[in-house]
Amino acid sequence: MSRIGKAPIEIPAGVTVQVKDNVVTVKGPKGELSQAINPVITVEQEGNHLLVKRPNDERENRAMHGLYRALIHNMVVGVSEGYKKEMELVGVGYRATSNGQVLELALGYSHAIYIKLPKEVKVEAKTERNKNPLIILESADKQLLGQVCAKIRSLRKPEPYKGKGIKFVGEIIRRKSGKSANAK
């Protein structure tokens, strides 16, 4: 059995799970998410636990077993607690401001960059004196949040020489030394 797949998913108070026509729908205080699952995999609810089961030990079924268990677990955590990512802008003159669902970034280009975020993602931009600007993103959907973060990061990836760019808070950028002097 898959170690991840056989672990039961605990359903916290205030979260309801409905399985109908190979679609798992999870509702909670932070929102509602749904995921279509392969008809081979079955999802059963026993009390306040969900069990994901597979029919046999074929390679493809074993892979899907762990995958769907992880996806359903991420949905349950998302609608109950939510996910939060913090990104830091490192560089002179780099700024971020949020206006509703629009994020405005000044990243050293000749123009400002405007990103319209999905309504499921909440954004907040913080700027404190003598600190790098922060972008705080929150959502119930882990996959969507990661995709939005990747899109923002792709606008100015951290570079290894000066460390400038958009990085996650706590991420360590591997630095390189610049030109090496080989004068003899």
C-alpha atoms as a PDB file:
ATOM      1  CA  MET A   1       0.000   0.000   0.000  1.00  0.00           C
ATOM      2  CA  SER A   2       1.013   3.568  -0.598  1.00  0.00           C
ATOM      3  CA  ARG A   3       2.176   5.146   2.648  1.00  0.00           C
ATOM      4  CA  ILE A   4       0.487   8.409   1.771  1.00  0.00           C
ATOM      5  CA  GLY A   5      -2.589   6.798   0.194  1.00  0.00           C
ATOM      6  CA  LYS A   6      -3.475   4.578   3.126  1.00  0.00           C
ATOM      7  CA  ALA A   7      -3.338   7.401   5.719  1.00  0.00           C
ATOM      8  CA  PRO A   8      -6.855   8.576   6.627  1.00  0.00           C
ATOM      9  CA  ILE A   9      -7.776  12.229   6.079  1.00  0.00           C
ATOM     10  CA  GLU A  10      -9.177  13.838   9.221  1.00  0.00           C
ATOM     11  CA  ILE A  11     -12.084  16.196   8.600  1.00  0.00           C
ATOM     12  CA  PRO A  12     -12.020  19.136  11.070  1.00  0.00           C
ATOM     13  CA  ALA A  13     -15.185  20.662  12.564  1.00  0.00           C
ATOM     14  CA  GLY A  14     -16.959  23.057  10.200  1.00  0.00           C
ATOM     15  CA  VAL A  15     -15.827  21.227   7.040  1.00  0.00           C
ATOM     16  CA  THR A  16     -18.210  19.132   4.950  1.00  0.00           C
ATOM     17  CA  VAL A  17     -17.141  16.648   2.278  1.00  0.00           C
ATOM     18  CA  GLN A  18     -19.422  15.362  -0.477  1.00  0.00           C
ATOM     19  CA  VAL A  19     -18.507  12.639  -2.977  1.00  0.00           C
ATOM     20  CA  LYS A  20     -20.775  12.404  -6.033  1.00  0.00           C
ATOM     21  CA  ASP A  21     -20.131  11.144  -9.599  1.00  0.00           C
ATOM     22  CA  ASN A  22     -16.325  10.934  -9.120  1.00  0.00           C
ATOM     23  CA  VAL A  23     -16.163  14.552  -7.889  1.00  0.00           C
ATOM     24  CA  VAL A  24     -15.092  15.360  -4.330  1.00  0.00           C
ATOM     25  CA  THR A  25     -16.443  18.696  -3.055  1.00  0.00           C
ATOM     26  CA  VAL A  26     -15.085  20.186   0.170  1.00  0.00           C
ATOM     27  CA  LYS A  27     -16.795  23.159   1.870  1.00  0.00           C
ATOM     28  CA  GLY A  28     -15.425  25.070   4.826  1.00  0.00           C
ATOM     29  CA  PRO A  29     -15.103  28.512   6.419  1.00  0.00           C
ATOM     30  CA  LYS A  30     -12.447  29.644   3.880  1.00  0.00           C
ATOM     31  CA  GLY A  31     -14.337  28.572   0.746  1.00  0.00           C
ATOM     32  CA  GLU A  32     -15.349  25.649  -1.422  1.00  0.00           C
ATOM     33  CA  LEU A  33     -13.118  23.446  -3.603  1.00  0.00           C
ATOM     34  CA  SER A  34     -13.861  20.475  -5.835  1.00  0.00           C
ATOM     35  CA  GLN A  35     -11.684  17.877  -7.545  1.00  0.00           C
ATOM     36  CA  ALA A  36     -12.603  15.277 -10.156  1.00  0.00           C
ATOM     37  CA  ILE A  37     -11.080  11.891  -9.378  1.00  0.00           C
ATOM     38  CA  ASN A  38     -10.432   8.842 -11.524  1.00  0.00           C
ATOM     39  CA  PRO A  39     -13.334   6.342 -11.344  1.00  0.00           C
ATOM     40  CA  VAL A  40     -10.883   3.569 -10.351  1.00  0.00           C
ATOM     41  CA  ILE A  41     -10.188   5.283  -7.000  1.00  0.00           C
ATOM     42  CA  THR A  42     -12.944   5.225  -4.361  1.00  0.00           C
ATOM     43  CA  VAL A  43     -13.402   7.707  -1.529  1.00  0.00           C
ATOM     44  CA  GLU A  44     -15.334   6.628   1.570  1.00  0.00           C
ATOM     45  CA  GLN A  45     -16.330   8.665   4.600  1.00  0.00           C
ATOM     46  CA  GLU A  46     -16.267   6.991   8.022  1.00  0.00           C
ATOM     47  CA  GLY A  47     -17.233   9.391  10.799  1.00  0.00           C
ATOM     48  CA  ASN A  48     -14.869  12.336  10.662  1.00  0.00           C
ATOM     49  CA  HIS A  49     -12.305  10.533   8.469  1.00  0.00           C
ATOM     50  CA  LEU A  50     -12.000  10.052   4.716  1.00  0.00           C
ATOM     51  CA  LEU A  51     -10.431   6.906   3.281  1.00  0.00           C
ATOM     52  CA  VAL A  52      -9.051   6.716  -0.253  1.00  0.00           C
ATOM     53  CA  LYS A  53      -8.967   3.160  -1.662  1.00  0.00           C
ATOM     54  CA  ARG A  54      -7.708   1.483  -4.826  1.00  0.00           C
ATOM     55  CA  PRO A  55      -8.885  -1.802  -6.382  1.00  0.00           C
ATOM     56  CA  ASN A  56      -5.495  -3.506  -6.930  1.00  0.00           C
ATOM     57  CA  ASP A  57      -1.722  -3.021  -6.844  1.00  0.00           C
ATOM     58  CA  GLU A  58      -1.172  -2.056 -10.467  1.00  0.00           C
ATOM     59  CA  ARG A  59       1.483   0.618 -10.904  1.00  0.00           C
ATOM     60  CA  GLU A  60      -0.919   3.268 -12.241  1.00  0.00           C
ATOM     61  CA  ASN A  61      -3.460   2.644  -9.468  1.00  0.00           C
ATOM     62  CA  ARG A  62      -0.759   2.913  -6.791  1.00  0.00           C
ATOM     63  CA  ALA A  63       0.353   6.267  -8.227  1.00  0.00           C
ATOM     64  CA  MET A  64      -3.198   7.646  -8.368  1.00  0.00           C
ATOM     65  CA  HIS A  65      -3.918   6.390  -4.840  1.00  0.00           C
ATOM     66  CA  GLY A  66      -1.324   8.662  -3.225  1.00  0.00           C
ATOM     67  CA  LEU A  67      -2.014  11.528  -5.643  1.00  0.00           C
ATOM     68  CA  TYR A  68      -5.745  11.791  -4.949  1.00  0.00           C
ATOM     69  CA  ARG A  69      -5.271  11.352  -1.209  1.00  0.00           C
ATOM     70  CA  ALA A  70      -2.790  14.276  -1.219  1.00  0.00           C
ATOM     71  CA  LEU A  71      -5.081  16.452  -3.375  1.00  0.00           C
ATOM     72  CA  ILE A  72      -8.097  15.836  -1.123  1.00  0.00           C
ATOM     73  CA  HIS A  73      -5.991  16.476   2.006  1.00  0.00           C
ATOM     74  CA  ASN A  74      -4.766  19.789   0.516  1.00  0.00           C
ATOM     75  CA  MET A  75      -8.389  20.799  -0.175  1.00  0.00           C
ATOM     76  CA  VAL A  76      -9.459  19.984   3.413  1.00  0.00           C
ATOM     77  CA  VAL A  77      -6.554  21.976   4.888  1.00  0.00           C
ATOM     78  CA  GLY A  78      -7.202  24.823   2.436  1.00  0.00           C
ATOM     79  CA  VAL A  79     -10.881  25.312   3.286  1.00  0.00           C
ATOM     80  CA  SER A  80     -10.262  25.006   7.031  1.00  0.00           C
ATOM     81  CA  GLU A  81      -6.971  26.882   7.589  1.00  0.00           C
ATOM     82  CA  GLY A  82      -5.975  28.276   4.172  1.00  0.00           C
ATOM     83  CA  TYR A  83      -2.521  28.662   2.665  1.00  0.00           C
ATOM     84  CA  LYS A  84      -0.227  31.673   2.885  1.00  0.00           C
ATOM     85  CA  LYS A  85       2.931  32.557   0.925  1.00  0.00           C
ATOM     86  CA  GLU A  86       5.210  35.527   1.528  1.00  0.00           C
ATOM     87  CA  MET A  87       7.486  36.873  -1.190  1.00  0.00           C
ATOM     88  CA  GLU A  88      10.257  39.422  -0.774  1.00  0.00           C
ATOM     89  CA  LEU A  89      11.498  41.944  -3.365  1.00  0.00           C
ATOM     90  CA  VAL A  90      15.278  42.324  -3.093  1.00  0.00           C
ATOM     91  CA  GLY A  91      16.770  45.198  -5.069  1.00  0.00           C
ATOM     92  CA  VAL A  92      17.194  48.961  -5.051  1.00  0.00           C
ATOM     93  CA  GLY A  93      13.984  50.669  -6.165  1.00  0.00           C
ATOM     94  CA  TYR A  94      11.916  47.469  -6.257  1.00  0.00           C
ATOM     95  CA  ARG A  95       8.385  48.236  -5.033  1.00  0.00           C
ATOM     96  CA  ALA A  96       5.036  46.486  -4.751  1.00  0.00           C
ATOM     97  CA  THR A  97       1.585  47.976  -4.179  1.00  0.00           C
ATOM     98  CA  SER A  98      -1.788  46.256  -4.168  1.00  0.00           C
ATOM     99  CA  ASN A  99      -5.081  47.808  -5.174  1.00  0.00           C
ATOM    100  CA  GLY A 100      -7.914  45.297  -4.814  1.00  0.00           C
ATOM    101  CA  GLN A 101      -7.021  42.296  -6.988  1.00  0.00           C
ATOM    102  CA  VAL A 102      -4.366  44.187  -8.969  1.00  0.00           C
ATOM    103  CA  LEU A 103      -0.717  43.967  -7.956  1.00  0.00           C
ATOM    104  CA  GLU A 104       1.596  46.703  -9.240  1.00  0.00           C
ATOM    105  CA  LEU A 105       5.307  45.883  -9.335  1.00  0.00           C
ATOM    106  CA  ALA A 106       8.281  48.163 -10.042  1.00  0.00           C
ATOM    107  CA  LEU A 107      11.161  45.775 -10.754  1.00  0.00           C
ATOM    108  CA  GLY A 108      13.799  47.943 -12.406  1.00  0.00           C
ATOM    109  CA  TYR A 109      12.251  47.815 -15.863  1.00  0.00           C
ATOM    110  CA  SER A 110      11.324  50.978 -17.770  1.00  0.00           C
ATOM    111  CA  HIS A 111       7.656  50.391 -16.901  1.00  0.00           C
ATOM    112  CA  ALA A 112       5.524  49.173 -14.013  1.00  0.00           C
ATOM    113  CA  ILE A 113       4.064  45.659 -14.226  1.00  0.00           C
ATOM    114  CA  TYR A 114       0.375  45.153 -13.374  1.00  0.00           C
ATOM    115  CA  ILE A 115      -0.887  41.670 -12.516  1.00  0.00           C
ATOM    116  CA  LYS A 116      -4.609  40.962 -12.141  1.00  0.00           C
ATOM    117  CA  LEU A 117      -4.948  38.141  -9.626  1.00  0.00           C
ATOM    118  CA  PRO A 118      -7.775  35.579  -9.487  1.00  0.00           C
ATOM    119  CA  LYS A 119     -10.577  36.378  -7.036  1.00  0.00           C
ATOM    120  CA  GLU A 120      -9.685  33.291  -4.946  1.00  0.00           C
ATOM    121  CA  VAL A 121      -6.291  34.824  -4.017  1.00  0.00           C
ATOM    122  CA  LYS A 122      -6.061  37.641  -1.472  1.00  0.00           C
ATOM    123  CA  VAL A 123      -3.038  39.920  -1.857  1.00  0.00           C
ATOM    124  CA  GLU A 124      -1.383  42.388   0.493  1.00  0.00           C
ATOM    125  CA  ALA A 125       1.763  44.423  -0.137  1.00  0.00           C
ATOM    126  CA  LYS A 126       3.811  45.710   2.815  1.00  0.00           C
ATOM    127  CA  THR A 127       6.600  48.260   2.653  1.00  0.00           C
ATOM    128  CA  GLU A 128       8.566  49.148   5.789  1.00  0.00           C
ATOM    129  CA  ARG A 129      11.459  51.547   6.067  1.00  0.00           C
ATOM    130  CA  ASN A 130      14.905  49.888   5.748  1.00  0.00           C
ATOM    131  CA  LYS A 131      13.326  46.523   4.876  1.00  0.00           C
ATOM    132  CA  ASN A 132      12.601  44.802   1.591  1.00  0.00           C
ATOM    133  CA  PRO A 133       9.001  45.103   0.301  1.00  0.00           C
ATOM    134  CA  LEU A 134       6.817  42.039   1.005  1.00  0.00           C
ATOM    135  CA  ILE A 135       3.972  40.519  -0.986  1.00  0.00           C
ATOM    136  CA  ILE A 136       1.646  38.338   1.118  1.00  0.00           C
ATOM    137  CA  LEU A 137      -0.660  35.992  -0.813  1.00  0.00           C
ATOM    138  CA  GLU A 138      -3.432  33.905   0.796  1.00  0.00           C
ATOM    139  CA  SER A 139      -5.818  31.356  -0.706  1.00  0.00           C
ATOM    140  CA  ALA A 140      -7.712  28.149   0.050  1.00  0.00           C
ATOM    141  CA  ASP A 141      -6.457  26.561  -3.193  1.00  0.00           C
ATOM    142  CA  LYS A 142      -2.832  25.428  -2.772  1.00  0.00           C
ATOM    143  CA  GLN A 143      -2.288  24.725  -6.470  1.00  0.00           C
ATOM    144  CA  LEU A 144      -3.618  28.115  -7.608  1.00  0.00           C
ATOM    145  CA  LEU A 145      -1.571  29.925  -4.962  1.00  0.00           C
ATOM    146  CA  GLY A 146       1.626  28.178  -6.090  1.00  0.00           C
ATOM    147  CA  GLN A 147       0.881  29.005  -9.717  1.00  0.00           C
ATOM    148  CA  VAL A 148       0.344  32.718  -8.932  1.00  0.00           C
ATOM    149  CA  CYS A 149       3.576  32.804  -6.879  1.00  0.00           C
ATOM    150  CA  ALA A 150       5.504  31.173  -9.731  1.00  0.00           C
ATOM    151  CA  LYS A 151       4.135  33.735 -12.195  1.00  0.00           C
ATOM    152  CA  ILE A 152       5.148  36.661  -9.942  1.00  0.00           C
ATOM    153  CA  ARG A 153       8.591  35.155  -9.328  1.00  0.00           C
ATOM    154  CA  SER A 154       9.158  34.610 -13.070  1.00  0.00           C
ATOM    155  CA  LEU A 155       9.021  38.378 -13.648  1.00  0.00           C
ATOM    156  CA  ARG A 156      12.420  38.829 -11.918  1.00  0.00           C
ATOM    157  CA  LYS A 157      14.035  35.612 -10.654  1.00  0.00           C
ATOM    158  CA  PRO A 158      16.736  36.003  -7.990  1.00  0.00           C
ATOM    159  CA  GLU A 159      20.131  36.145  -9.644  1.00  0.00           C
ATOM    160  CA  PRO A 160      23.196  34.477  -8.063  1.00  0.00           C
ATOM    161  CA  TYR A 161      25.681  37.380  -8.167  1.00  0.00           C
ATOM    162  CA  LYS A 162      23.968  40.221  -6.309  1.00  0.00           C
ATOM    163  CA  GLY A 163      20.927  38.312  -5.026  1.00  0.00           C
ATOM    164  CA  LYS A 164      18.465  40.760  -6.590  1.00  0.00           C
ATOM    165  CA  GLY A 165      14.998  39.584  -7.607  1.00  0.00           C
ATOM    166  CA  ILE A 166      11.763  38.206  -6.166  1.00  0.00           C
ATOM    167  CA  LYS A 167      12.232  35.381  -3.676  1.00  0.00           C
ATOM    168  CA  PHE A 168      10.196  33.583  -1.041  1.00  0.00           C
ATOM    169  CA  VAL A 169      10.728  34.669   2.565  1.00  0.00           C
ATOM    170  CA  GLY A 170      13.261  32.311   4.123  1.00  0.00           C
ATOM    171  CA  GLU A 171      14.569  31.073   0.759  1.00  0.00           C
ATOM    172  CA  ILE A 172      18.344  30.945   0.546  1.00  0.00           C
ATOM    173  CA  ILE A 173      19.836  32.097  -2.747  1.00  0.00           C
ATOM    174  CA  ARG A 174      23.050  30.299  -3.650  1.00  0.00           C
ATOM    175  CA  ARG A 175      25.558  33.065  -4.301  1.00  0.00           C
ATOM    176  CA  LYS A 176      28.439  32.998  -6.769  1.00  0.00           C
ATOM    177  CA  SER A 177      31.636  34.988  -6.575  1.00  0.00           C
ATOM    178  CA  GLY A 178      32.089  37.453  -9.409  1.00  0.00           C
ATOM    179  CA  LYS A 179      35.086  37.635 -11.712  1.00  0.00           C
ATOM    180  CA  SER A 180      38.108  35.845 -10.311  1.00  0.00           C
ATOM    181  CA  ALA A 181      41.392  37.685 -10.645  1.00  0.00           C
ATOM    182  CA  ASN A 182      43.917  35.464 -12.417  1.00  0.00           C
ATOM    183  CA  ALA A 183      46.636  38.076 -12.723  1.00  0.00           C
ATOM    184  CA  LYS A 184      50.197  36.809 -12.269  1.00  0.00           C
END
